[in-house]
């Protein structure tokens, strides 16, 4: 009986160790990742829905190409909508960044001037369950935007 108890104890210990290694490997796969893409803002369209001119309720829609961090090759697309919340200052946006290995959804403010930080609210494929932040930085007078994804 003592021999059986000792053997069972060793088996339980081995299972706990194997499970611990599996969890550690899973956490390593889910480690933080940072990468940058460049959006070419060629399709941005504003619908003037509120008062005439820039006003609350206006809508910005887009379906733009994303380029690699060297701005050389198309690597995906950004498709979404923004609503004007503070004329001359802020849009509230949500969009999907579709890449070869999945998509990343972001949501948050897009400022008329200065950098913006949006929440990563999810994803698909390699980015399934993604969280973190995306920093948006305007380039070339607003014709291009640098998106830096900081995934948790």
Foldseek 3Di string as FASTA:
>chain_A
DVVVVVVVVVVVVVVVVVVVVVVVVVVVLQDKDKAKKKWQFDAWDWDPDDPPDFDFFIKIWGWTFIGHPVNPHTFWIKTWMWTDDDGPFWTWIWIWTAGPQKIWIWTGIDTPDDKDKTWTDAMDGSTGPWTDIWIWDADPNNSMIMIMGTTD
